Protein backbone atom coordinates (compact mmCIF):
# COMPACT_ATOMS: atom_id res chain seq x y z
CA MET A 1 -10.05 -24.90 2.67
CA ARG A 2 -9.76 -28.16 0.24
CA GLU A 3 -9.88 -26.95 -3.64
CA GLY A 4 -12.03 -24.00 -2.38
CA THR A 5 -12.75 -20.75 -5.01
CA TRP A 6 -10.15 -18.04 -5.72
CA GLU A 7 -12.99 -16.29 -3.78
CA GLN A 8 -13.35 -18.41 -0.76
CA ALA A 9 -9.34 -18.51 -0.57
CA PHE A 10 -9.37 -14.60 -1.24
CA ASP A 11 -11.91 -14.32 1.83
CA ILE A 12 -9.40 -16.96 4.04
CA ALA A 13 -6.78 -15.19 3.28
CA SER A 14 -7.72 -11.44 3.99
CA HIS A 15 -9.11 -13.38 7.41
CA SER A 16 -7.58 -15.92 9.00
CA PHE A 17 -4.65 -14.04 10.66
CA THR A 18 -4.68 -11.70 13.67
CA LYS A 19 -3.45 -8.31 13.14
CA LEU A 20 0.66 -7.97 14.96
CA ALA A 21 0.83 -5.18 17.75
CA ALA A 22 1.89 -1.70 17.44
CA GLN A 23 5.15 0.43 17.93
CA GLU A 24 5.52 4.16 17.80
CA VAL A 25 7.49 5.68 14.78
CA ALA A 26 8.88 8.75 13.86
CA LEU A 27 6.99 10.66 11.30
CA THR A 28 10.47 10.42 8.98
CA ASP A 29 9.82 6.64 9.36
CA ALA A 30 5.94 6.41 8.65
CA ILE A 31 5.86 6.30 5.02
CA ASP A 32 4.23 2.91 3.34
CA ARG A 33 3.34 1.61 6.93
CA TYR A 34 0.47 1.36 7.86
CA THR A 35 -1.65 3.39 10.69
CA ALA A 36 -1.96 0.80 13.79
CA ALA A 37 -5.28 3.34 15.19
CA ASP A 38 -6.73 6.39 14.02
CA VAL A 39 -4.76 9.41 13.66
CA LEU A 40 -6.38 12.31 14.73
CA SER A 41 -5.48 15.96 14.40
CA LEU A 42 -3.94 17.55 17.48
CA CYS A 43 -4.40 21.22 16.28
CA ASP A 44 -6.71 22.91 14.71
CA LEU A 45 -5.47 23.30 10.97
CA PRO A 46 -4.58 25.72 10.01
CA ALA A 47 -3.81 26.98 13.88
CA PHE A 48 -4.65 30.95 13.43
CA GLU A 49 -6.43 33.43 10.75
CA THR A 50 -4.24 33.01 7.36
CA SER A 51 -3.41 34.50 4.33
CA SER A 52 -4.09 32.60 1.23
CA MET A 53 -2.54 34.90 -1.11
CA ASP A 54 0.48 37.68 -1.27
CA GLY A 55 -0.83 41.19 -0.88
CA TRP A 56 -2.04 43.12 1.70
CA ALA A 57 -4.28 43.55 4.89
CA VAL A 58 -6.50 46.06 4.27
CA SER A 59 -9.42 47.37 7.20
CA GLY A 60 -12.38 49.07 5.03
CA ASP A 61 -12.84 50.66 2.31
CA GLY A 62 -9.69 52.26 0.02
CA PRO A 63 -7.86 53.72 -0.47
CA TRP A 64 -5.22 52.13 2.41
CA LYS A 65 -2.28 53.48 4.01
CA LEU A 66 0.36 51.23 4.09
CA MET A 67 1.25 50.81 7.45
CA GLY A 68 4.33 48.39 7.61
CA GLU A 69 4.26 44.47 6.99
CA VAL A 70 2.90 41.28 9.22
CA LEU A 71 5.90 38.69 9.48
CA THR A 72 5.99 34.94 8.04
CA GLY A 73 5.71 32.99 11.21
CA LYS A 74 4.91 35.87 13.42
CA VAL A 75 1.53 37.33 14.72
CA SER A 76 1.61 40.61 14.68
CA SER A 77 1.09 42.92 17.23
CA ASP A 78 -0.44 45.85 14.90
CA VAL A 79 -4.38 46.26 14.80
CA LEU A 80 -5.38 47.74 11.54
CA HIS A 81 -7.66 50.16 11.84
CA TYR A 82 -10.36 52.00 8.79
CA GLY A 83 -8.02 52.76 6.23
CA GLN A 84 -5.20 51.06 6.68
CA CYS A 85 -3.38 47.79 5.55
CA LEU A 86 -0.09 45.43 5.71
CA ALA A 87 1.82 44.01 3.69
CA ILE A 88 1.22 40.17 4.09
CA ALA A 89 2.71 36.78 2.82
CA THR A 90 0.80 33.64 1.80
CA GLY A 91 0.11 31.69 5.22
CA GLY A 92 0.64 34.87 7.42
CA VAL A 93 -0.74 35.28 10.35
CA ILE A 94 -3.95 37.88 9.91
CA PRO A 95 -3.56 40.83 11.94
CA HIS A 96 -6.42 41.93 14.26
CA GLY A 97 -9.05 44.52 12.06
CA THR A 98 -8.27 43.13 8.95
CA THR A 99 -11.37 42.96 6.59
CA SER A 100 -9.87 41.13 3.72
CA VAL A 101 -6.40 40.50 1.64
CA ILE A 102 -5.84 42.29 -1.56
CA PRO A 103 -3.86 40.15 -4.07
CA TRP A 104 -0.52 41.64 -5.22
CA GLU A 105 -2.10 41.81 -8.97
CA LYS A 106 -5.03 43.11 -7.79
CA ALA A 107 -4.05 46.44 -6.64
CA SER A 108 -1.18 49.37 -6.67
CA GLU A 109 0.86 51.39 -4.73
CA GLN A 110 1.29 55.23 -4.99
CA ASP A 111 2.78 57.65 -2.30
CA GLY A 112 2.68 55.54 0.74
CA GLN A 113 -1.17 54.02 -0.44
CA ILE A 114 -2.48 50.74 -1.56
CA PHE A 115 -5.50 50.59 -4.08
CA GLY A 116 -7.84 48.59 -5.19
CA GLU A 117 -11.09 46.48 -5.04
CA ILE A 118 -11.85 44.43 -2.16
CA GLU A 119 -14.66 42.03 -1.41
CA VAL A 120 -15.04 41.37 2.55
CA GLY A 121 -13.20 38.46 3.48
CA ALA A 122 -11.91 37.32 0.72
CA ASN A 123 -8.46 35.44 0.64
CA ILE A 124 -8.69 34.55 4.16
CA ARG A 125 -8.22 30.71 5.26
CA PRO A 126 -10.11 30.53 8.35
CA ALA A 127 -8.25 28.80 11.63
CA GLY A 128 -9.42 25.12 11.64
CA MET A 129 -10.40 25.35 7.57
CA GLU A 130 -9.23 22.15 7.22
CA SER A 131 -9.18 20.46 9.96
CA LYS A 132 -10.42 20.94 13.97
CA ILE A 133 -8.66 19.34 16.61
CA GLY A 134 -9.67 15.66 18.02
CA ASP A 135 -11.02 15.30 13.72
CA VAL A 136 -9.86 11.91 12.57
CA LEU A 137 -7.27 12.37 9.86
CA VAL A 138 -6.43 8.93 8.79
CA THR A 139 -8.45 5.81 9.45
CA ALA A 140 -6.33 2.51 11.45
CA GLY A 141 -5.01 0.67 8.74
CA THR A 142 -4.33 3.30 6.02
CA ARG A 143 -1.31 3.21 4.18
CA ILE A 144 0.69 6.22 5.37
CA THR A 145 1.25 7.51 2.16
CA PRO A 146 4.20 10.95 1.76
CA PRO A 147 1.49 13.52 1.62
CA MET A 148 -0.37 12.39 4.50
CA ALA A 149 3.24 12.44 6.43
CA GLY A 150 2.85 16.29 5.63
CA LEU A 151 -0.28 16.26 6.83
CA PHE A 152 0.55 14.49 10.31
CA ALA A 153 3.80 16.90 10.42
CA ALA A 154 1.58 20.34 10.07
CA THR A 155 -1.25 19.12 12.61
CA GLY A 156 1.39 18.44 15.65
CA HIS A 157 2.75 15.21 14.86
CA ASP A 158 6.43 13.80 15.33
CA VAL A 159 5.55 10.27 16.34
CA ILE A 160 2.88 7.92 14.76
CA LYS A 161 1.10 4.57 15.95
CA VAL A 162 2.10 1.91 13.07
CA ALA A 163 1.74 -1.91 13.06
CA VAL A 164 4.71 -3.63 13.24
CA GLN A 165 5.83 -5.29 10.02
CA PRO A 166 5.85 -9.13 9.81
CA ARG A 167 9.21 -10.70 9.98
CA VAL A 168 9.56 -12.74 6.80
CA ALA A 169 11.55 -15.75 6.17
CA ILE A 170 12.03 -16.91 2.12
CA PHE A 171 12.80 -20.74 1.12
CA PHE A 172 13.22 -21.14 -2.43
CA LEU A 173 12.91 -24.61 -3.64
CA GLY A 174 14.40 -26.71 -5.93
CA ASP A 175 17.61 -28.70 -6.69
CA GLU A 176 17.49 -27.68 -10.76
CA LEU A 177 17.66 -23.65 -9.62
CA ILE A 178 21.06 -22.15 -10.67
CA HIS A 179 22.04 -18.03 -9.81
CA SER A 180 23.95 -16.82 -12.94
CA GLY A 181 24.61 -17.40 -16.61
CA VAL A 182 22.31 -19.18 -19.31
CA PRO A 183 21.03 -22.40 -17.87
CA ILE A 184 21.95 -25.58 -19.12
CA ASP A 185 22.23 -29.77 -19.00
CA GLY A 186 18.51 -28.78 -17.43
CA ALA A 187 19.47 -26.58 -15.12
CA ILE A 188 16.89 -23.73 -14.41
CA ARG A 189 17.75 -20.20 -13.96
CA ASP A 190 15.64 -18.57 -10.46
CA SER A 191 13.79 -15.76 -11.39
CA LEU A 192 11.93 -15.65 -7.75
CA GLY A 193 15.16 -14.98 -6.17
CA PRO A 194 15.54 -11.52 -7.57
CA GLN A 195 12.08 -10.08 -7.32
CA LEU A 196 10.01 -11.82 -4.72
CA PRO A 197 11.78 -10.01 -1.94
CA VAL A 198 11.72 -6.40 -3.39
CA LEU A 199 7.65 -7.48 -4.10
CA LEU A 200 7.26 -8.97 -0.46
CA THR A 201 9.38 -5.37 1.12
CA LYS A 202 6.47 -3.30 -1.03
CA MET A 203 4.21 -5.26 0.50
CA GLY A 204 5.29 -3.78 3.89
CA VAL A 205 7.36 -6.90 5.58
CA THR A 206 10.56 -7.00 6.57
CA ILE A 207 12.78 -9.57 5.37
CA PHE A 208 14.34 -11.59 7.62
CA SER A 209 16.26 -13.83 5.63
CA ALA A 210 15.80 -15.48 2.03
CA GLU A 211 17.55 -19.12 1.24
CA PHE A 212 17.47 -21.80 -1.83
CA ILE A 213 16.69 -24.96 -0.42
CA LYS A 214 17.98 -28.03 -1.82
CA ASP A 215 14.92 -30.44 -2.31
CA ASP A 216 15.30 -32.59 0.44
CA LEU A 217 12.55 -32.74 3.17
CA ASP A 218 15.47 -33.40 5.90
CA VAL A 219 17.18 -30.28 5.09
CA LEU A 220 13.69 -27.98 4.75
CA ASN A 221 12.70 -29.25 8.36
CA ALA A 222 15.76 -28.21 9.63
CA GLU A 223 16.00 -24.44 8.36
CA ILE A 224 12.07 -23.74 9.11
CA ALA A 225 13.13 -24.73 12.11
CA LYS A 226 16.04 -21.96 12.75
CA VAL A 227 13.61 -19.07 11.89
CA LEU A 228 10.27 -20.32 13.59
CA ASP A 229 11.54 -18.02 16.50
CA SER A 230 11.79 -15.01 14.84
CA VAL A 231 9.57 -15.18 12.34
CA ASP A 232 5.91 -13.82 11.60
CA LEU A 233 5.14 -15.14 8.25
CA ILE A 234 7.45 -18.52 6.40
CA ILE A 235 7.05 -18.39 2.26
CA THR A 236 8.25 -21.28 0.47
CA THR A 237 8.43 -21.48 -3.29
CA GLY A 238 7.93 -24.68 -5.30
CA GLY A 239 7.36 -28.03 -3.27
CA THR A 240 3.36 -27.79 -2.89
CA ALA A 241 2.05 -30.84 -4.89
CA ASP A 242 1.79 -34.27 -4.10
CA GLY A 243 4.73 -35.49 -6.34
CA PRO A 244 8.10 -37.76 -4.98
CA ARG A 245 9.56 -34.76 -4.58
CA ASP A 246 7.47 -32.35 -2.81
CA TYR A 247 8.14 -31.77 0.41
CA VAL A 248 6.14 -28.88 1.58
CA LYS A 249 3.22 -30.76 2.96
CA PRO A 250 5.34 -33.41 5.01
CA ALA A 251 7.14 -30.37 6.45
CA LEU A 252 4.30 -28.75 7.62
CA ASN A 253 2.85 -31.74 8.95
CA ASN A 254 5.89 -32.30 10.59
CA LEU A 255 5.56 -28.77 12.43
CA SER A 256 2.23 -30.07 13.36
CA ALA A 257 0.28 -27.28 11.58
CA THR A 258 -3.11 -26.29 10.75
CA MET A 259 -3.78 -25.89 6.88
CA VAL A 260 -5.49 -22.99 6.19
CA ILE A 261 -5.79 -23.56 2.15
CA ASP A 262 -4.94 -26.82 0.08
CA CYS A 263 -5.59 -25.10 -3.68
CA ALA A 264 -7.50 -23.17 -4.86
CA LYS A 265 -9.61 -23.64 -8.01
CA VAL A 266 -7.37 -20.82 -10.10
CA ARG A 267 -5.07 -21.12 -13.15
CA PRO A 268 -2.11 -20.39 -12.54
CA GLY A 269 -1.62 -20.79 -8.74
CA TYR A 270 -3.62 -23.55 -8.09
CA HIS A 271 -1.17 -25.55 -5.88
CA VAL A 272 -1.34 -22.67 -3.04
CA LEU A 273 -1.09 -23.65 0.26
CA LEU A 274 -1.69 -21.37 3.56
CA ALA A 275 -0.87 -22.91 7.10
CA ARG A 276 -1.07 -21.84 10.41
CA VAL A 277 2.10 -23.06 12.51
CA ALA A 278 1.56 -22.51 16.64
CA LYS A 279 4.49 -21.72 18.34
CA GLY A 280 5.31 -20.37 21.90
CA GLY A 281 1.61 -18.86 22.44
CA ARG A 282 2.13 -17.38 18.58
CA ASP A 283 0.52 -18.11 15.04
CA ILE A 284 3.00 -18.10 12.56
CA ALA A 285 1.33 -18.49 8.98
CA PHE A 286 2.71 -20.30 6.10
CA LEU A 287 2.65 -19.23 2.58
CA ALA A 288 3.51 -22.19 -0.04
CA LEU A 289 3.95 -20.48 -3.22
CA PRO A 290 3.70 -22.81 -6.34
CA GLY A 291 7.20 -22.92 -7.84
CA ASN A 292 6.24 -21.98 -11.67
CA PRO A 293 7.44 -18.03 -11.98
CA GLN A 294 4.01 -17.12 -13.26
CA SER A 295 1.96 -19.04 -10.82
CA ALA A 296 3.95 -18.08 -7.69
CA LEU A 297 2.88 -14.02 -8.98
CA ALA A 298 -0.33 -15.29 -9.13
CA ALA A 299 -0.86 -16.68 -5.93
CA LEU A 300 1.39 -14.21 -3.99
CA TYR A 301 -1.24 -11.07 -5.56
CA SER A 302 -4.14 -13.37 -4.57
CA PHE A 303 -3.36 -14.38 -1.18
CA GLY A 304 -0.12 -13.57 -0.22
CA GLU A 305 -1.07 -9.32 -0.29
CA PRO A 306 -4.34 -9.77 1.81
CA LEU A 307 -3.04 -12.01 4.07
CA ILE A 308 0.09 -9.61 4.45
CA ALA A 309 -2.37 -6.89 4.78
CA SER A 310 -4.38 -8.61 7.54
CA LEU A 311 -1.13 -8.88 9.69
CA LEU A 312 -0.51 -5.20 9.18
CA GLY A 313 -4.34 -4.50 9.79
CA GLY A 314 -4.65 -2.91 6.85
CA SER A 315 -8.29 -2.34 5.40
CA ARG A 316 -9.60 -4.82 3.23
CA LYS A 317 -8.53 -4.02 -0.38
CA GLU A 318 -11.14 -3.89 -2.94
CA VAL A 319 -11.46 -5.30 -6.29
CA THR A 320 -12.43 -3.35 -8.86
CA GLU A 321 -13.87 -4.38 -12.57
CA VAL A 322 -12.07 -4.25 -16.08
CA GLU A 323 -13.72 -4.70 -19.34
CA LEU A 324 -12.06 -7.70 -21.82
CA SER A 325 -10.97 -6.46 -24.33
CA SER A 326 -11.36 -10.04 -26.19
CA SER A 327 -12.67 -13.31 -25.82
CA LEU A 328 -11.78 -15.69 -22.60
CA THR A 329 -12.18 -19.26 -21.77
CA THR A 330 -11.01 -20.84 -18.64
CA PRO A 331 -10.90 -24.37 -17.57
CA GLU A 332 -13.82 -25.95 -16.09
CA GLY A 333 -14.63 -25.11 -12.82
CA PHE A 334 -11.85 -22.87 -12.40
CA SER A 335 -10.74 -19.28 -12.82
CA ARG A 336 -8.37 -17.85 -14.56
CA LEU A 337 -6.00 -15.04 -13.81
CA VAL A 338 -4.51 -13.27 -16.86
CA PRO A 339 -1.72 -11.42 -16.86
CA GLY A 340 -2.12 -7.69 -19.25
CA THR A 341 -2.54 -4.05 -19.36
CA VAL A 342 -5.78 -1.75 -18.78
CA ASN A 343 -6.58 1.31 -20.90
CA GLY A 344 -9.31 2.94 -18.49
CA LYS A 345 -11.10 0.48 -17.65
CA ILE A 346 -10.81 -1.48 -20.82
CA PHE A 347 -8.29 -5.04 -20.09
CA THR A 348 -5.96 -6.88 -22.74
CA PRO A 349 -4.17 -9.19 -22.13
CA THR A 350 -0.49 -9.56 -23.02
CA ALA A 351 1.09 -12.27 -24.71
CA TYR A 352 3.44 -15.56 -23.05
CA LEU A 353 0.36 -16.45 -20.48
CA GLY A 354 1.96 -19.58 -19.59
CA SER A 355 2.35 -20.39 -15.98
CA ALA A 356 6.30 -21.23 -16.41
CA MET A 357 6.28 -18.04 -18.33
CA LEU A 358 7.82 -14.53 -17.13
CA ARG A 359 7.72 -12.68 -20.49
CA GLY A 360 4.11 -12.00 -20.38
CA VAL A 361 3.83 -10.87 -16.74
CA ALA A 362 7.52 -8.46 -17.47
CA HIS A 363 4.97 -6.25 -19.87
CA ALA A 364 1.47 -6.31 -17.42
CA GLN A 365 -0.13 -3.59 -14.96
CA GLY A 366 -1.78 -6.55 -13.36
CA PHE A 367 -3.84 -9.67 -13.10
CA ALA A 368 -7.58 -10.11 -14.47
CA LEU A 369 -9.40 -12.52 -12.57
CA ILE A 370 -11.80 -14.67 -15.16
CA ASN A 371 -14.94 -16.11 -14.06
CA PRO A 372 -15.19 -19.74 -14.80
CA GLY A 373 -16.52 -20.38 -18.61
CA VAL A 374 -16.84 -18.94 -21.73
CA ASN A 375 -16.44 -15.16 -20.93
CA PRO A 376 -16.94 -12.90 -24.42
CA ALA A 377 -15.56 -9.58 -25.30
CA GLY A 378 -17.26 -6.88 -22.88
CA THR A 379 -17.44 -9.37 -20.29
CA THR A 380 -16.39 -8.00 -16.63
CA ALA A 381 -13.46 -9.17 -14.84
CA ARG A 382 -11.90 -8.51 -11.27
CA TRP A 383 -8.77 -6.83 -11.92
CA ILE A 384 -5.65 -7.11 -9.26
CA PRO A 385 -2.44 -4.62 -10.13
CA PHE A 386 0.85 -4.87 -9.43
CA ILE A 387 2.32 -2.96 -6.93
């Protein structure tokens, strides 16, 4: 696709590459990974009838003679008869003969007897109330949260099948970049190096390497060749235009790559490239981000995030809508990505919106995708939140 819309590029990035293989990992290592298959309940949850309160398991009408207690984590061999009760803790297995559970605070004890009012069946959680064996707990392509991991543990899982994390090589291009101190004499302090590896890791990848490369085609070709057999995704920053010192397209030609996205009609982020490199029977994704910091982030969140999600087999991310707090205009024929904040559903842009600027992005919660043309206050826009 050459100079397609943001929507077309987003769709292409979401669907042009197949998901990677699956692997089983320990439950404790599964958080933030993507499920490679539906996760099913291995047992009823709860597995037994249990008490939902600390109190007394009673049989029939009161008062009830206190016969002992139910030990937590044990099945009681006691059978309650009419007018009897056992002390029970939350989560305790309901003994046979129980008709309800009375909470501590709604009853009193006197001379070995318990007094209180009951509601038949109250405070008893039936077996399988949360899930039955075989129920789908989460579907394939779901990013696992800590509460999900807890649910998987409660339903008997020790390992979870997840998508293999894409191995990524990053190349930061530019003779002008320095990596410490205050920039002088025309140099530019690198601002993408400290953030891109972290952002990509949060998106679900494993960083194989991150290198800074001078603007030299032979060097770039050689460095790419070193990683091709080891990675699933190559990401570059800078050098994506058609100037005399822009070497990404020549490097892709050297690889006989198939261009998937060749620029998208959005500002910032126009000079983004996505290509497919065939090597050893594998398809390696090659995402080339613009060099300007805000442009690089705009392209990464717009097209890099859905690309990575597709490699992980993740569900397609739905883009929500917000309302503009003020009028915004885009270049003719172009969408515009504006950093800002959202309160409720109202979007307010930050200051410092230039494509080479980071100050506005640093205080933003995400990008609003503004439609081409004049967009008055109250107009809807799509919202792309930061991780």
